[in-house]
Amino acid sequence: MLPKEIAIGQVAQRTGMSISQIRFYEKKGLIAPPRDRGGHRRFPRADLRRLSFIRIAQRLGLSLGRIRAALGPPGERPMTQADWDRVATGMRAELTDRIEVLTKLRDNLAGCIGCGCLSMVNCPLYNDGDALGADGPGARLVERAP
């Protein structure tokens, strides 16, 4: 029978995170492991899934604030399938947008940077007279929706 709560070292081993990362996420309010009488953190097993999600979401470029907003505060109960469905639904459009921008960047980046032509007529990186500055900050030709 598996224990209901596990020590931080076991959490680190299971998630592939360092102990300092896990403590960092605790300080940021993403997890809130209870403590035993000796003051040691005792993680509910459900925190393994929560921490794994945090790690993956960060790799996708989501901020800790966005992750915290998606997950909600760490609670007294493990997240249910309905909770995870809510998280997935809430992030689907944002992730689809990220995928589209990354795909566009991937498909055009090597050609634009690698060709060396610096064509002022055809190059999608050329912004004559900063004409795109009025559209807002950033890489407008890459970030613009197709």
Protein backbone atom coordinates (compact mmCIF):
# COMPACT_ATOMS: atom_id res chain seq x y z
CA MET A 1 0.00 0.00 0.00
CA LEU A 2 1.35 3.42 -0.98
CA PRO A 3 1.60 6.12 1.69
CA LYS A 4 -0.86 9.02 1.36
CA GLU A 5 1.90 11.60 1.80
CA ILE A 6 5.53 11.57 0.71
CA ALA A 7 8.69 13.47 1.60
CA ILE A 8 10.20 16.20 -0.54
CA GLY A 9 13.11 13.98 -1.60
CA GLN A 10 10.68 11.43 -3.01
CA VAL A 11 8.76 14.19 -4.79
CA ALA A 12 12.01 15.44 -6.33
CA GLN A 13 12.90 11.95 -7.48
CA ARG A 14 9.46 11.29 -8.98
CA THR A 15 9.09 14.65 -10.75
CA GLY A 16 12.69 15.11 -11.87
CA MET A 17 12.79 18.46 -10.09
CA SER A 18 15.35 19.61 -7.60
CA ILE A 19 14.32 20.14 -4.00
CA SER A 20 15.03 23.86 -4.43
CA GLN A 21 12.62 24.01 -7.40
CA ILE A 22 9.90 22.39 -5.34
CA ARG A 23 10.47 24.86 -2.51
CA PHE A 24 10.40 27.70 -5.06
CA TYR A 25 6.98 26.59 -6.32
CA GLU A 26 5.80 26.45 -2.73
CA LYS A 27 6.99 30.03 -2.13
CA LYS A 28 5.15 31.10 -5.28
CA GLY A 29 1.90 29.59 -3.97
CA LEU A 30 1.59 26.83 -6.57
CA ILE A 31 1.71 24.06 -3.98
CA ALA A 32 1.07 24.08 -0.25
CA PRO A 33 2.27 20.86 1.33
CA PRO A 34 1.24 20.36 4.92
CA ARG A 35 3.90 19.86 7.55
CA ASP A 36 4.21 17.13 10.08
CA ARG A 37 4.87 17.71 13.80
CA GLY A 38 8.60 17.95 13.10
CA GLY A 39 8.03 20.71 10.52
CA HIS A 40 8.84 18.49 7.53
CA ARG A 41 6.85 18.92 4.34
CA ARG A 42 4.58 15.96 3.64
CA PHE A 43 3.29 16.10 0.08
CA PRO A 44 -0.02 14.57 -0.90
CA ARG A 45 0.55 12.19 -3.82
CA ALA A 46 -1.68 14.42 -5.97
CA ASP A 47 1.07 17.07 -5.84
CA LEU A 48 3.12 14.85 -8.15
CA ARG A 49 0.63 15.51 -10.96
CA ARG A 50 0.36 19.19 -10.09
CA LEU A 51 4.15 19.66 -10.10
CA SER A 52 4.51 17.70 -13.33
CA PHE A 53 1.91 19.93 -14.95
CA ILE A 54 3.74 23.04 -13.72
CA ARG A 55 6.99 21.77 -15.20
CA ILE A 56 5.43 21.03 -18.59
CA ALA A 57 3.51 24.32 -18.67
CA GLN A 58 6.73 26.24 -17.99
CA ARG A 59 8.48 24.38 -20.81
CA LEU A 60 5.66 25.59 -23.07
CA GLY A 61 6.49 29.14 -22.05
CA LEU A 62 3.62 29.82 -19.68
CA SER A 63 4.37 32.16 -16.82
CA LEU A 64 3.98 31.08 -13.22
CA GLY A 65 1.18 33.60 -12.87
CA ARG A 66 -0.68 32.04 -15.80
CA ILE A 67 -0.11 28.55 -14.40
CA ARG A 68 -1.33 29.62 -10.96
CA ALA A 69 -4.44 31.18 -12.53
CA ALA A 70 -5.15 27.99 -14.47
CA LEU A 71 -4.69 25.66 -11.51
CA GLY A 72 -6.20 27.82 -8.84
CA PRO A 73 -4.89 27.79 -5.30
CA PRO A 74 -3.60 24.55 -3.90
CA GLY A 75 -6.46 23.05 -1.98
CA GLU A 76 -7.28 20.63 0.72
CA ARG A 77 -8.39 18.04 -1.83
CA PRO A 78 -6.72 16.59 -4.91
CA MET A 79 -7.82 17.96 -8.26
CA THR A 80 -10.56 15.90 -9.88
CA GLN A 81 -10.99 14.98 -13.53
CA ALA A 82 -13.47 17.86 -13.78
CA ASP A 83 -10.82 20.24 -12.41
CA TRP A 84 -8.26 19.05 -14.98
CA ASP A 85 -10.88 19.34 -17.75
CA ARG A 86 -11.47 22.95 -16.67
CA VAL A 87 -7.72 23.66 -16.82
CA ALA A 88 -7.44 22.07 -20.28
CA THR A 89 -10.44 23.97 -21.63
CA GLY A 90 -9.16 27.25 -20.24
CA MET A 91 -5.72 26.83 -21.82
CA ARG A 92 -6.67 25.26 -25.17
CA ALA A 93 -7.06 28.50 -27.16
CA GLU A 94 -3.90 30.01 -25.70
CA LEU A 95 -1.86 26.91 -26.51
CA THR A 96 -3.31 26.75 -30.02
CA ASP A 97 -2.24 30.38 -30.57
CA ARG A 98 1.26 29.59 -29.29
CA ILE A 99 1.51 26.59 -31.59
CA GLU A 100 0.49 28.70 -34.59
CA VAL A 101 3.08 31.39 -33.81
CA LEU A 102 5.81 28.83 -33.20
CA THR A 103 4.94 26.97 -36.40
CA LYS A 104 5.08 30.17 -38.41
CA LEU A 105 8.39 31.11 -36.82
CA ARG A 106 9.84 27.64 -37.41
CA ASP A 107 8.73 27.57 -41.03
CA ASN A 108 10.14 31.01 -41.86
CA LEU A 109 13.08 31.50 -39.54
CA ALA A 110 15.72 29.38 -41.25
CA GLY A 111 14.90 30.75 -44.68
CA CYS A 112 14.93 34.38 -43.62
CA ILE A 113 18.00 34.29 -41.45
CA GLY A 114 19.84 31.64 -43.39
CA CYS A 115 19.44 32.98 -46.94
CA GLY A 116 21.47 36.14 -46.46
CA CYS A 117 19.74 37.89 -49.37
CA LEU A 118 18.50 40.87 -47.34
CA SER A 119 16.03 41.55 -50.15
CA MET A 120 14.25 44.78 -49.40
CA VAL A 121 11.35 43.65 -51.61
CA ASN A 122 10.65 40.08 -50.50
CA CYS A 123 12.14 39.76 -47.01
CA PRO A 124 9.44 39.40 -44.33
CA LEU A 125 11.83 40.82 -41.74
CA TYR A 126 12.31 44.12 -43.58
CA ASN A 127 10.18 46.92 -42.14
CA ASP A 128 10.72 49.96 -44.35
CA GLY A 129 10.47 53.19 -42.37
CA ASP A 130 9.15 51.28 -39.36
CA ALA A 131 5.74 51.12 -41.05
CA LEU A 132 4.65 48.32 -38.74
CA GLY A 133 5.45 50.31 -35.60
CA ALA A 134 1.89 51.64 -35.54
CA ASP A 135 0.59 48.05 -35.21
CA GLY A 136 2.18 47.71 -31.79
CA PRO A 137 5.37 46.35 -30.26
CA GLY A 138 7.13 43.12 -31.09
CA ALA A 139 7.69 41.02 -34.18
CA ARG A 140 4.49 42.02 -35.95
CA LEU A 141 5.04 39.85 -39.05
CA VAL A 142 5.53 36.74 -36.96
CA GLU A 143 2.93 37.46 -34.28
CA ARG A 144 0.20 38.61 -36.65
CA ALA A 145 -2.58 36.05 -37.06
CA PRO A 146 -2.60 34.37 -40.50
